[in-house]
Amino acid sequence: MVILGNRGMKGIDLCHKIRKHTAGRDITILMVSTFEQTEDEEDFLNAGADNFLHLSERSTPLRGWIAAADRHVNALVDLKQYRNKIKAYQSELDFMNIQLEETLTNANQLAVEAELVYLELDQIFKTAAGGILVIDKKSNVLRYNEDFLYILQMVKHEMKGKKCYEASTTGLCHSPDCPLTQILRWRRICGHHAGNAW
């Protein structure tokens, strides 16, 4: 809140400067006159003053106006704090949007890379000169190629949901020499001749 006296053009210039400032819109300006004449009242109001009072009037309206202006200033302060909170939330939201966009971009890139890897593996499965069988740690059959089915003399639906030892039993199944057992014991590569069973 600013209380100014009507000292000619200096008061008007100061009022203009206050209103031109970035924080000027949040300031309540009261122009106080010690003279009876009111010819300057319109000029000060046009310069941005919120009200124009004469000191010759009773003091009660002046105190009442100051109380009302004080409430107005408090409301503006609350509004400014609210705007600052909105800006902070907006900044946080913008940051989260950037992070989300980066995450989606990375996820899309990983999906493309995974698709390329799948296509490469699929090509290997189709063109490999020999049977290929892929199983998990629990002996579940995950994938196989046509040559593997040909070796076992089986069709696709017969392999669905089977364990590797159910698809074709060899002397290695359920023994320490089982390739899966050896791999799970951290042997990177193991090889066995399956004989006529496979």
N, C-alpha and C. Protein backbone atom coordinates (compact mmCIF):
# COMPACT_ATOMS: atom_id res chain seq x y z
N MET A 1 0.84 -1.18 0.00
CA MET A 1 0.00 0.00 0.00
C MET A 1 0.89 1.24 0.00
N VAL A 2 0.52 2.23 -0.82
CA VAL A 2 1.28 3.48 -0.91
C VAL A 2 0.32 4.64 -0.72
N ILE A 3 0.68 5.56 0.17
CA ILE A 3 -0.12 6.77 0.37
C ILE A 3 0.71 7.96 -0.12
N LEU A 4 0.17 8.69 -1.09
CA LEU A 4 0.89 9.79 -1.72
C LEU A 4 0.13 11.10 -1.49
N GLY A 5 0.91 12.16 -1.37
CA GLY A 5 0.31 13.48 -1.33
C GLY A 5 0.25 14.06 -2.72
N ASN A 6 -0.71 14.96 -2.95
CA ASN A 6 -0.86 15.52 -4.29
C ASN A 6 0.05 16.74 -4.45
N ARG A 7 1.34 16.52 -4.45
CA ARG A 7 2.31 17.60 -4.64
C ARG A 7 2.54 17.85 -6.12
N GLY A 8 1.51 18.23 -6.80
CA GLY A 8 1.65 18.58 -8.21
C GLY A 8 2.01 17.39 -9.05
N MET A 9 2.84 17.63 -10.08
CA MET A 9 3.19 16.59 -11.05
C MET A 9 4.09 15.52 -10.47
N LYS A 10 4.80 15.83 -9.37
CA LYS A 10 5.68 14.81 -8.80
C LYS A 10 4.87 13.61 -8.32
N GLY A 11 3.73 13.86 -7.70
CA GLY A 11 2.88 12.76 -7.25
C GLY A 11 2.33 11.95 -8.41
N ILE A 12 1.94 12.65 -9.46
CA ILE A 12 1.41 11.97 -10.65
C ILE A 12 2.51 11.13 -11.31
N ASP A 13 3.72 11.69 -11.44
CA ASP A 13 4.83 10.95 -12.04
C ASP A 13 5.14 9.70 -11.24
N LEU A 14 5.16 9.83 -9.91
CA LEU A 14 5.45 8.67 -9.07
C LEU A 14 4.36 7.62 -9.23
N CYS A 15 3.13 8.05 -9.33
CA CYS A 15 2.02 7.11 -9.53
C CYS A 15 2.18 6.36 -10.84
N HIS A 16 2.55 7.08 -11.90
CA HIS A 16 2.80 6.44 -13.20
C HIS A 16 3.93 5.41 -13.09
N LYS A 17 5.01 5.76 -12.40
CA LYS A 17 6.16 4.87 -12.28
C LYS A 17 5.79 3.60 -11.52
N ILE A 18 4.99 3.77 -10.47
CA ILE A 18 4.56 2.59 -9.70
C ILE A 18 3.76 1.64 -10.58
N ARG A 19 2.83 2.18 -11.35
CA ARG A 19 1.97 1.34 -12.18
C ARG A 19 2.74 0.68 -13.32
N LYS A 20 3.82 1.30 -13.80
CA LYS A 20 4.61 0.73 -14.90
C LYS A 20 5.51 -0.40 -14.41
N HIS A 21 5.80 -0.43 -13.11
CA HIS A 21 6.66 -1.48 -12.57
C HIS A 21 5.93 -2.83 -12.62
N THR A 22 6.71 -3.91 -12.71
CA THR A 22 6.09 -5.24 -12.82
C THR A 22 5.25 -5.60 -11.60
N ALA A 23 5.61 -5.09 -10.43
CA ALA A 23 4.84 -5.36 -9.22
C ALA A 23 3.82 -4.28 -8.94
N GLY A 24 3.74 -3.26 -9.81
CA GLY A 24 2.86 -2.13 -9.56
C GLY A 24 1.39 -2.48 -9.53
N ARG A 25 1.00 -3.54 -10.25
CA ARG A 25 -0.43 -3.88 -10.30
C ARG A 25 -0.92 -4.42 -8.96
N ASP A 26 0.02 -4.88 -8.09
CA ASP A 26 -0.36 -5.44 -6.80
C ASP A 26 -0.31 -4.41 -5.68
N ILE A 27 -0.11 -3.17 -6.02
CA ILE A 27 0.00 -2.10 -5.02
C ILE A 27 -1.26 -1.25 -5.02
N THR A 28 -1.75 -0.96 -3.83
CA THR A 28 -2.91 -0.08 -3.68
C THR A 28 -2.40 1.34 -3.40
N ILE A 29 -2.86 2.30 -4.19
CA ILE A 29 -2.38 3.68 -4.08
C ILE A 29 -3.52 4.59 -3.63
N LEU A 30 -3.26 5.32 -2.56
CA LEU A 30 -4.20 6.31 -2.06
C LEU A 30 -3.56 7.70 -2.18
N MET A 31 -4.23 8.58 -2.88
CA MET A 31 -3.77 9.97 -3.00
C MET A 31 -4.49 10.81 -1.94
N VAL A 32 -3.71 11.55 -1.15
CA VAL A 32 -4.25 12.37 -0.07
C VAL A 32 -4.00 13.84 -0.40
N SER A 33 -5.04 14.65 -0.29
CA SER A 33 -4.94 16.08 -0.59
C SER A 33 -5.16 16.90 0.68
N THR A 34 -4.37 17.94 0.80
CA THR A 34 -4.54 18.85 1.94
C THR A 34 -5.32 20.09 1.54
N PHE A 35 -5.80 20.08 0.30
CA PHE A 35 -6.52 21.25 -0.21
C PHE A 35 -7.98 20.90 -0.44
N GLU A 36 -8.78 21.93 -0.49
CA GLU A 36 -10.20 21.75 -0.71
C GLU A 36 -10.51 21.46 -2.17
N GLN A 37 -9.71 22.00 -3.08
CA GLN A 37 -10.04 21.86 -4.49
C GLN A 37 -9.87 20.42 -4.95
N THR A 38 -10.64 20.06 -5.95
CA THR A 38 -10.63 18.67 -6.43
C THR A 38 -10.27 18.59 -7.90
N GLU A 39 -9.69 19.68 -8.44
CA GLU A 39 -9.42 19.65 -9.88
C GLU A 39 -8.35 18.63 -10.25
N ASP A 40 -7.46 18.27 -9.29
CA ASP A 40 -6.41 17.29 -9.59
C ASP A 40 -6.85 15.85 -9.39
N GLU A 41 -8.02 15.65 -8.82
CA GLU A 41 -8.46 14.30 -8.48
C GLU A 41 -8.53 13.39 -9.70
N GLU A 42 -9.11 13.88 -10.78
CA GLU A 42 -9.23 13.05 -11.99
C GLU A 42 -7.88 12.71 -12.57
N ASP A 43 -6.93 13.66 -12.53
CA ASP A 43 -5.59 13.40 -13.07
C ASP A 43 -4.89 12.28 -12.30
N PHE A 44 -5.01 12.32 -10.96
CA PHE A 44 -4.37 11.29 -10.15
C PHE A 44 -5.02 9.93 -10.35
N LEU A 45 -6.33 9.91 -10.46
CA LEU A 45 -7.02 8.64 -10.70
C LEU A 45 -6.65 8.07 -12.06
N ASN A 46 -6.52 8.93 -13.07
CA ASN A 46 -6.10 8.49 -14.39
C ASN A 46 -4.66 8.00 -14.39
N ALA A 47 -3.85 8.52 -13.45
CA ALA A 47 -2.45 8.09 -13.35
C ALA A 47 -2.31 6.72 -12.70
N GLY A 48 -3.41 6.22 -12.13
CA GLY A 48 -3.37 4.88 -11.55
C GLY A 48 -3.72 4.80 -10.09
N ALA A 49 -4.04 5.92 -9.47
CA ALA A 49 -4.43 5.90 -8.06
C ALA A 49 -5.76 5.15 -7.91
N ASP A 50 -5.90 4.44 -6.75
CA ASP A 50 -7.14 3.70 -6.50
C ASP A 50 -8.20 4.59 -5.86
N ASN A 51 -7.77 5.62 -5.14
CA ASN A 51 -8.75 6.50 -4.51
C ASN A 51 -8.09 7.85 -4.21
N PHE A 52 -8.92 8.83 -3.98
CA PHE A 52 -8.45 10.20 -3.73
C PHE A 52 -9.25 10.75 -2.55
N LEU A 53 -8.55 11.08 -1.46
CA LEU A 53 -9.23 11.55 -0.26
C LEU A 53 -8.70 12.93 0.14
N HIS A 54 -9.56 13.70 0.77
CA HIS A 54 -9.19 15.01 1.29
C HIS A 54 -9.02 14.92 2.80
N LEU A 55 -7.93 15.47 3.32
CA LEU A 55 -7.69 15.44 4.75
C LEU A 55 -8.69 16.27 5.52
N SER A 56 -9.41 17.12 4.81
CA SER A 56 -10.41 17.94 5.48
C SER A 56 -11.63 17.12 5.87
N GLU A 57 -11.76 15.92 5.24
CA GLU A 57 -12.88 15.06 5.59
C GLU A 57 -12.63 14.42 6.95
N ARG A 58 -13.67 13.81 7.48
CA ARG A 58 -13.51 13.13 8.77
C ARG A 58 -12.50 12.00 8.64
N SER A 59 -11.80 11.71 9.73
CA SER A 59 -10.75 10.70 9.70
C SER A 59 -11.31 9.28 9.62
N THR A 60 -12.57 9.08 10.01
CA THR A 60 -13.15 7.73 9.99
C THR A 60 -13.15 7.12 8.60
N PRO A 61 -13.59 7.83 7.54
CA PRO A 61 -13.54 7.23 6.20
C PRO A 61 -12.11 6.87 5.79
N LEU A 62 -11.13 7.69 6.20
CA LEU A 62 -9.75 7.38 5.85
C LEU A 62 -9.30 6.08 6.49
N ARG A 63 -9.60 5.92 7.77
CA ARG A 63 -9.23 4.67 8.45
C ARG A 63 -9.98 3.49 7.85
N GLY A 64 -11.24 3.71 7.52
CA GLY A 64 -12.01 2.63 6.90
C GLY A 64 -11.45 2.24 5.54
N TRP A 65 -11.05 3.26 4.78
CA TRP A 65 -10.48 2.96 3.45
C TRP A 65 -9.17 2.21 3.59
N ILE A 66 -8.33 2.63 4.55
CA ILE A 66 -7.05 1.95 4.76
C ILE A 66 -7.28 0.50 5.18
N ALA A 67 -8.27 0.24 6.03
CA ALA A 67 -8.59 -1.13 6.43
C ALA A 67 -9.04 -1.95 5.23
N ALA A 68 -9.88 -1.34 4.38
CA ALA A 68 -10.34 -2.05 3.18
C ALA A 68 -9.18 -2.31 2.22
N ALA A 69 -8.30 -1.30 2.09
CA ALA A 69 -7.14 -1.47 1.22
C ALA A 69 -6.21 -2.54 1.76
N ASP A 70 -6.11 -2.61 3.08
CA ASP A 70 -5.26 -3.65 3.69
C ASP A 70 -5.79 -5.04 3.37
N ARG A 71 -7.11 -5.18 3.43
CA ARG A 71 -7.69 -6.47 3.05
C ARG A 71 -7.43 -6.78 1.58
N HIS A 72 -7.52 -5.75 0.76
CA HIS A 72 -7.25 -5.93 -0.67
C HIS A 72 -5.80 -6.36 -0.90
N VAL A 73 -4.88 -5.73 -0.16
CA VAL A 73 -3.47 -6.09 -0.31
C VAL A 73 -3.24 -7.54 0.13
N ASN A 74 -3.86 -7.93 1.24
CA ASN A 74 -3.70 -9.32 1.72
C ASN A 74 -4.25 -10.31 0.69
N ALA A 75 -5.35 -9.93 0.08
CA ALA A 75 -5.91 -10.80 -0.97
C ALA A 75 -4.96 -10.91 -2.15
N LEU A 76 -4.30 -9.81 -2.50
CA LEU A 76 -3.34 -9.84 -3.61
C LEU A 76 -2.12 -10.67 -3.25
N VAL A 77 -1.69 -10.58 -1.99
CA VAL A 77 -0.56 -11.39 -1.55
C VAL A 77 -0.90 -12.87 -1.64
N ASP A 78 -2.10 -13.23 -1.18
CA ASP A 78 -2.54 -14.63 -1.28
C ASP A 78 -2.61 -15.06 -2.74
N LEU A 79 -3.10 -14.18 -3.59
CA LEU A 79 -3.19 -14.50 -5.02
C LEU A 79 -1.80 -14.71 -5.62
N LYS A 80 -0.85 -13.87 -5.21
CA LYS A 80 0.51 -14.01 -5.73
C LYS A 80 1.13 -15.33 -5.29
N GLN A 81 0.91 -15.70 -4.03
CA GLN A 81 1.42 -16.98 -3.54
C GLN A 81 0.77 -18.14 -4.30
N TYR A 82 -0.52 -17.99 -4.57
CA TYR A 82 -1.23 -19.03 -5.33
C TYR A 82 -0.65 -19.15 -6.74
N ARG A 83 -0.37 -18.00 -7.36
CA ARG A 83 0.23 -18.02 -8.71
C ARG A 83 1.61 -18.66 -8.69
N ASN A 84 2.38 -18.36 -7.64
CA ASN A 84 3.71 -18.96 -7.52
C ASN A 84 3.62 -20.47 -7.38
N LYS A 85 2.62 -20.92 -6.61
CA LYS A 85 2.42 -22.37 -6.46
C LYS A 85 2.06 -23.00 -7.80
N ILE A 86 1.21 -22.30 -8.55
CA ILE A 86 0.82 -22.82 -9.87
C ILE A 86 2.05 -22.92 -10.78
N LYS A 87 2.91 -21.90 -10.74
CA LYS A 87 4.12 -21.93 -11.55
C LYS A 87 5.02 -23.09 -11.15
N ALA A 88 5.13 -23.30 -9.83
CA ALA A 88 5.96 -24.41 -9.35
C ALA A 88 5.39 -25.75 -9.80
N TYR A 89 4.05 -25.89 -9.68
CA TYR A 89 3.41 -27.13 -10.13
C TYR A 89 3.58 -27.31 -11.64
N GLN A 90 3.48 -26.19 -12.38
CA GLN A 90 3.63 -26.27 -13.83
C GLN A 90 5.05 -26.69 -14.21
N SER A 91 6.03 -26.13 -13.50
CA SER A 91 7.43 -26.50 -13.76
C SER A 91 7.65 -27.97 -13.46
N GLU A 92 7.08 -28.44 -12.35
CA GLU A 92 7.22 -29.84 -12.00
C GLU A 92 6.54 -30.73 -13.04
N LEU A 93 5.36 -30.30 -13.49
CA LEU A 93 4.63 -31.06 -14.51
C LEU A 93 5.41 -31.09 -15.82
N ASP A 94 6.00 -29.95 -16.21
CA ASP A 94 6.80 -29.92 -17.43
C ASP A 94 7.98 -30.87 -17.33
N PHE A 95 8.63 -30.89 -16.16
CA PHE A 95 9.77 -31.77 -15.95
C PHE A 95 9.34 -33.23 -16.05
N MET A 96 8.19 -33.55 -15.44
CA MET A 96 7.68 -34.92 -15.50
C MET A 96 7.31 -35.30 -16.93
N ASN A 97 6.77 -34.35 -17.69
CA ASN A 97 6.43 -34.63 -19.09
C ASN A 97 7.68 -34.92 -19.91
N ILE A 98 8.75 -34.15 -19.63
CA ILE A 98 10.02 -34.39 -20.33
C ILE A 98 10.54 -35.78 -20.00
N GLN A 99 10.49 -36.12 -18.69
CA GLN A 99 10.97 -37.45 -18.28
C GLN A 99 10.13 -38.56 -18.93
N LEU A 100 8.81 -38.32 -19.00
CA LEU A 100 7.92 -39.31 -19.60
C LEU A 100 8.22 -39.47 -21.09
N GLU A 101 8.44 -38.35 -21.77
CA GLU A 101 8.77 -38.42 -23.19
C GLU A 101 10.08 -39.17 -23.42
N GLU A 102 11.07 -38.91 -22.57
CA GLU A 102 12.34 -39.62 -22.69
C GLU A 102 12.16 -41.11 -22.42
N THR A 103 11.33 -41.42 -21.42
CA THR A 103 11.08 -42.84 -21.11
C THR A 103 10.39 -43.53 -22.28
N LEU A 104 9.38 -42.86 -22.86
CA LEU A 104 8.67 -43.44 -24.00
C LEU A 104 9.59 -43.60 -25.20
N THR A 105 10.46 -42.61 -25.41
CA THR A 105 11.42 -42.70 -26.52
C THR A 105 12.35 -43.88 -26.33
N ASN A 106 12.86 -44.03 -25.09
CA ASN A 106 13.76 -45.16 -24.81
C ASN A 106 13.02 -46.49 -24.94
N ALA A 107 11.76 -46.51 -24.47
CA ALA A 107 10.98 -47.75 -24.57
C ALA A 107 10.73 -48.11 -26.03
N ASN A 108 10.43 -47.11 -26.85
CA ASN A 108 10.23 -47.37 -28.27
C ASN A 108 11.50 -47.88 -28.93
N GLN A 109 12.64 -47.27 -28.52
CA GLN A 109 13.92 -47.72 -29.10
C GLN A 109 14.21 -49.16 -28.71
N LEU A 110 13.95 -49.48 -27.43
CA LEU A 110 14.17 -50.85 -26.97
C LEU A 110 13.24 -51.82 -27.69
N ALA A 111 12.00 -51.38 -27.94
CA ALA A 111 11.06 -52.25 -28.65
C ALA A 111 11.54 -52.52 -30.07
N VAL A 112 12.07 -51.47 -30.73
CA VAL A 112 12.59 -51.64 -32.09
C VAL A 112 13.79 -52.58 -32.07
N GLU A 113 14.69 -52.39 -31.10
CA GLU A 113 15.87 -53.25 -31.00
C GLU A 113 15.46 -54.69 -30.72
N ALA A 114 14.46 -54.86 -29.83
CA ALA A 114 13.99 -56.21 -29.52
C ALA A 114 13.38 -56.87 -30.75
N GLU A 115 12.66 -56.08 -31.54
CA GLU A 115 12.08 -56.62 -32.77
C GLU A 115 13.15 -57.06 -33.75
N LEU A 116 14.21 -56.25 -33.85
CA LEU A 116 15.32 -56.61 -34.74
C LEU A 116 16.00 -57.89 -34.27
N VAL A 117 16.20 -57.99 -32.95
CA VAL A 117 16.82 -59.21 -32.41
C VAL A 117 15.95 -60.41 -32.69
N TYR A 118 14.63 -60.24 -32.51
CA TYR A 118 13.71 -61.35 -32.78
C TYR A 118 13.78 -61.78 -34.24
N LEU A 119 13.80 -60.79 -35.14
CA LEU A 119 13.88 -61.12 -36.56
C LEU A 119 15.17 -61.85 -36.89
N GLU A 120 16.28 -61.42 -36.25
CA GLU A 120 17.55 -62.10 -36.48
C GLU A 120 17.52 -63.53 -35.97
N LEU A 121 16.96 -63.72 -34.77
CA LEU A 121 16.86 -65.07 -34.22
C LEU A 121 15.93 -65.93 -35.06
N ASP A 122 14.85 -65.33 -35.51
CA ASP A 122 13.92 -66.08 -36.35
C ASP A 122 14.59 -66.52 -37.65
N GLN A 123 15.41 -65.63 -38.20
CA GLN A 123 16.14 -65.98 -39.41
C GLN A 123 17.12 -67.12 -39.16
N ILE A 124 17.80 -67.05 -38.00
CA ILE A 124 18.74 -68.13 -37.64
C ILE A 124 18.01 -69.45 -37.50
N PHE A 125 16.85 -69.40 -36.81
CA PHE A 125 16.08 -70.62 -36.62
C PHE A 125 15.66 -71.23 -37.95
N LYS A 126 15.30 -70.38 -38.92
CA LYS A 126 14.79 -70.88 -40.19
C LYS A 126 15.89 -71.37 -41.12
N THR A 127 17.08 -70.80 -40.99
CA THR A 127 18.15 -71.12 -41.95
C THR A 127 19.23 -72.02 -41.37
N ALA A 128 19.19 -72.28 -40.06
CA ALA A 128 20.24 -73.11 -39.46
C ALA A 128 20.20 -74.52 -40.03
N ALA A 129 21.39 -75.07 -40.30
CA ALA A 129 21.49 -76.42 -40.85
C ALA A 129 21.54 -77.42 -39.70
N GLY A 130 20.40 -77.68 -39.09
CA GLY A 130 20.34 -78.60 -37.96
C GLY A 130 19.17 -78.24 -37.08
N GLY A 131 18.89 -79.14 -36.16
CA GLY A 131 17.78 -78.92 -35.26
C GLY A 131 18.16 -77.99 -34.11
N ILE A 132 17.26 -77.11 -33.75
CA ILE A 132 17.48 -76.18 -32.64
C ILE A 132 16.29 -76.26 -31.70
N LEU A 133 16.60 -76.39 -30.41
CA LEU A 133 15.58 -76.42 -29.38
C LEU A 133 15.96 -75.43 -28.27
N VAL A 134 15.02 -74.60 -27.88
CA VAL A 134 15.25 -73.63 -26.80
C VAL A 134 14.34 -73.98 -25.64
N ILE A 135 14.94 -74.11 -24.44
CA ILE A 135 14.18 -74.44 -23.24
C ILE A 135 14.53 -73.46 -22.14
N ASP A 136 13.67 -73.39 -21.11
CA ASP A 136 13.98 -72.53 -19.97
C ASP A 136 14.62 -73.36 -18.85
N LYS A 137 14.82 -72.73 -17.69
CA LYS A 137 15.50 -73.40 -16.58
C LYS A 137 14.68 -74.54 -15.99
N LYS A 138 13.39 -74.56 -16.29
CA LYS A 138 12.52 -75.62 -15.76
C LYS A 138 12.20 -76.69 -16.81
N SER A 139 13.03 -76.71 -17.85
CA SER A 139 12.93 -77.72 -18.91
C SER A 139 11.72 -77.51 -19.82
N ASN A 140 11.04 -76.38 -19.73
CA ASN A 140 9.91 -76.12 -20.61
C ASN A 140 10.40 -75.78 -22.01
N VAL A 141 9.76 -76.34 -23.02
CA VAL A 141 10.12 -76.07 -24.40
C VAL A 141 9.58 -74.68 -24.78
N LEU A 142 10.49 -73.82 -25.22
CA LEU A 142 10.10 -72.47 -25.60
C LEU A 142 10.02 -72.30 -27.11
N ARG A 143 10.98 -72.88 -27.80
CA ARG A 143 11.01 -72.70 -29.25
C ARG A 143 11.82 -73.82 -29.90
N TYR A 144 11.52 -74.05 -31.17
CA TYR A 144 12.21 -75.09 -31.92
C TYR A 144 12.04 -74.77 -33.40
N ASN A 145 12.88 -75.37 -34.22
CA ASN A 145 12.75 -75.13 -35.65
C ASN A 145 12.23 -76.38 -36.35
N GLU A 146 12.00 -76.25 -37.62
CA GLU A 146 11.42 -77.36 -38.39
C GLU A 146 12.35 -78.57 -38.44
N ASP A 147 13.64 -78.31 -38.51
CA ASP A 147 14.59 -79.44 -38.56
C ASP A 147 14.53 -80.26 -37.28
N PHE A 148 14.34 -79.58 -36.14
CA PHE A 148 14.25 -80.33 -34.88
C PHE A 148 13.02 -81.22 -34.88
N LEU A 149 11.90 -80.69 -35.38
CA LEU A 149 10.69 -81.49 -35.48
C LEU A 149 10.89 -82.68 -36.42
N TYR A 150 11.60 -82.43 -37.50
CA TYR A 150 11.86 -83.50 -38.47
C TYR A 150 12.69 -84.62 -37.85
N ILE A 151 13.69 -84.20 -37.05
CA ILE A 151 14.55 -85.20 -36.40
C ILE A 151 13.73 -86.08 -35.47
N LEU A 152 12.81 -85.45 -34.73
CA LEU A 152 12.00 -86.21 -33.77
C LEU A 152 10.77 -86.86 -34.41
N GLN A 153 10.53 -86.53 -35.70
CA GLN A 153 9.36 -87.05 -36.38
C GLN A 153 8.08 -86.63 -35.63
N MET A 154 8.03 -85.34 -35.31
CA MET A 154 6.90 -84.79 -34.57
C MET A 154 6.33 -83.60 -35.33
N VAL A 155 5.10 -83.23 -34.97
CA VAL A 155 4.48 -82.04 -35.53
C VAL A 155 4.37 -80.99 -34.42
N LYS A 156 4.06 -79.75 -34.81
CA LYS A 156 4.12 -78.63 -33.87
C LYS A 156 3.22 -78.83 -32.66
N HIS A 157 1.98 -79.29 -32.87
CA HIS A 157 1.06 -79.38 -31.74
C HIS A 157 1.52 -80.42 -30.72
N GLU A 158 2.37 -81.37 -31.14
CA GLU A 158 2.87 -82.38 -30.21
C GLU A 158 3.94 -81.81 -29.27
N MET A 159 4.53 -80.69 -29.63
CA MET A 159 5.57 -80.08 -28.81
C MET A 159 5.00 -79.04 -27.84
N LYS A 160 3.78 -78.63 -28.07
CA LYS A 160 3.21 -77.55 -27.28
C LYS A 160 3.04 -77.95 -25.82
N GLY A 161 3.59 -77.12 -24.91
CA GLY A 161 3.45 -77.33 -23.48
C GLY A 161 4.24 -78.49 -22.92
N LYS A 162 5.19 -79.02 -23.66
CA LYS A 162 5.95 -80.18 -23.20
C LYS A 162 7.26 -79.76 -22.53
N LYS A 163 7.79 -80.69 -21.72
CA LYS A 163 9.13 -80.58 -21.20
C LYS A 163 10.08 -81.19 -22.23
N CYS A 164 11.35 -80.79 -22.16
CA CYS A 164 12.29 -81.32 -23.15
C CYS A 164 12.43 -82.84 -23.04
N TYR A 165 12.41 -83.35 -21.81
CA TYR A 165 12.55 -84.81 -21.63
C TYR A 165 11.27 -85.55 -22.01
N GLU A 166 10.14 -84.81 -22.16
CA GLU A 166 8.92 -85.45 -22.64
C GLU A 166 8.90 -85.51 -24.16
N ALA A 167 9.56 -84.53 -24.79
CA ALA A 167 9.61 -84.51 -26.25
C ALA A 167 10.47 -85.66 -26.77
N SER A 168 11.58 -85.90 -26.11
CA SER A 168 12.45 -87.00 -26.54
C SER A 168 13.36 -87.38 -25.37
N THR A 169 13.26 -88.56 -24.95
CA THR A 169 14.05 -89.03 -23.81
C THR A 169 15.37 -89.62 -24.29
N THR A 170 16.44 -89.20 -23.64
CA THR A 170 17.76 -89.76 -23.92
C THR A 170 18.34 -90.28 -22.62
N GLY A 171 19.49 -90.93 -22.72
CA GLY A 171 20.15 -91.44 -21.53
C GLY A 171 20.67 -90.35 -20.62
N LEU A 172 20.67 -89.11 -21.11
CA LEU A 172 21.18 -88.00 -20.32
C LEU A 172 20.11 -87.36 -19.44
N CYS A 173 18.85 -87.59 -19.75
CA CYS A 173 17.77 -86.95 -19.00
C CYS A 173 17.78 -87.39 -17.54
N HIS A 174 17.53 -86.43 -16.65
CA HIS A 174 17.48 -86.68 -15.21
C HIS A 174 18.78 -87.24 -14.67
N SER A 175 19.88 -86.83 -15.26
CA SER A 175 21.19 -87.28 -14.79
C SER A 175 22.12 -86.06 -14.68
N PRO A 176 23.24 -86.19 -13.97
CA PRO A 176 24.19 -85.06 -13.87
C PRO A 176 24.75 -84.63 -15.21
N ASP A 177 24.68 -85.52 -16.22
CA ASP A 177 25.21 -85.19 -17.54
C ASP A 177 24.21 -84.45 -18.42
N CYS A 178 23.03 -84.21 -17.90
CA CYS A 178 22.03 -83.47 -18.67
C CYS A 178 22.60 -82.10 -19.04
N PRO A 179 22.54 -81.70 -20.32
CA PRO A 179 23.09 -80.39 -20.72
C PRO A 179 22.52 -79.23 -19.92
N LEU A 180 21.21 -79.26 -19.64
CA LEU A 180 20.60 -78.17 -18.88
C LEU A 180 21.17 -78.12 -17.47
N THR A 181 21.32 -79.30 -16.85
CA THR A 181 21.89 -79.36 -15.49
C THR A 181 23.30 -78.79 -15.47
N GLN A 182 24.08 -79.16 -16.48
CA GLN A 182 25.46 -78.67 -16.53
C GLN A 182 25.52 -77.16 -16.78
N ILE A 183 24.65 -76.64 -17.62
CA ILE A 183 24.63 -75.19 -17.89
C ILE A 183 24.24 -74.42 -16.63
N LEU A 184 23.26 -74.97 -15.89
CA LEU A 184 22.85 -74.30 -14.65
C LEU A 184 23.94 -74.34 -13.60
N ARG A 185 24.92 -75.22 -13.80
CA ARG A 185 26.09 -75.27 -12.90
C ARG A 185 27.22 -74.39 -13.42
N TRP A 186 26.85 -73.46 -14.32
CA TRP A 186 27.77 -72.43 -14.84
C TRP A 186 28.75 -72.95 -15.87
N ARG A 187 28.43 -74.06 -16.49
CA ARG A 187 29.21 -74.46 -17.65
C ARG A 187 28.66 -73.70 -18.85
N ARG A 188 29.46 -72.86 -19.45
CA ARG A 188 28.99 -72.01 -20.54
C ARG A 188 28.63 -72.83 -21.77
N ILE A 189 29.41 -73.83 -22.08
CA ILE A 189 29.17 -74.65 -23.27
C ILE A 189 29.32 -76.11 -22.87
N CYS A 190 28.41 -76.93 -23.32
CA CYS A 190 28.54 -78.37 -23.12
C CYS A 190 28.01 -79.06 -24.36
N GLY A 191 28.61 -80.15 -24.71
CA GLY A 191 28.21 -80.86 -25.92
C GLY A 191 28.13 -82.36 -25.68
N HIS A 192 27.13 -82.99 -26.28
CA HIS A 192 26.95 -84.44 -26.14
C HIS A 192 26.44 -84.99 -27.47
N HIS A 193 26.81 -86.20 -27.74
CA HIS A 193 26.29 -86.89 -28.92
C HIS A 193 25.02 -87.62 -28.50
N ALA A 194 23.93 -87.24 -29.10
CA ALA A 194 22.65 -87.80 -28.67
C ALA A 194 22.36 -89.14 -29.30
N GLY A 195 23.18 -89.58 -30.20
CA GLY A 195 22.95 -90.87 -30.83
C GLY A 195 21.73 -90.88 -31.69
N ASN A 196 21.10 -92.03 -31.80
CA ASN A 196 19.93 -92.16 -32.66
C ASN A 196 18.65 -91.65 -32.02
N ALA A 197 18.72 -91.33 -30.72
CA ALA A 197 17.51 -90.88 -30.06
C ALA A 197 17.04 -89.56 -30.63
N TRP A 198 18.02 -88.68 -30.99
CA TRP A 198 17.68 -87.40 -31.58
C TRP A 198 18.16 -87.38 -33.04
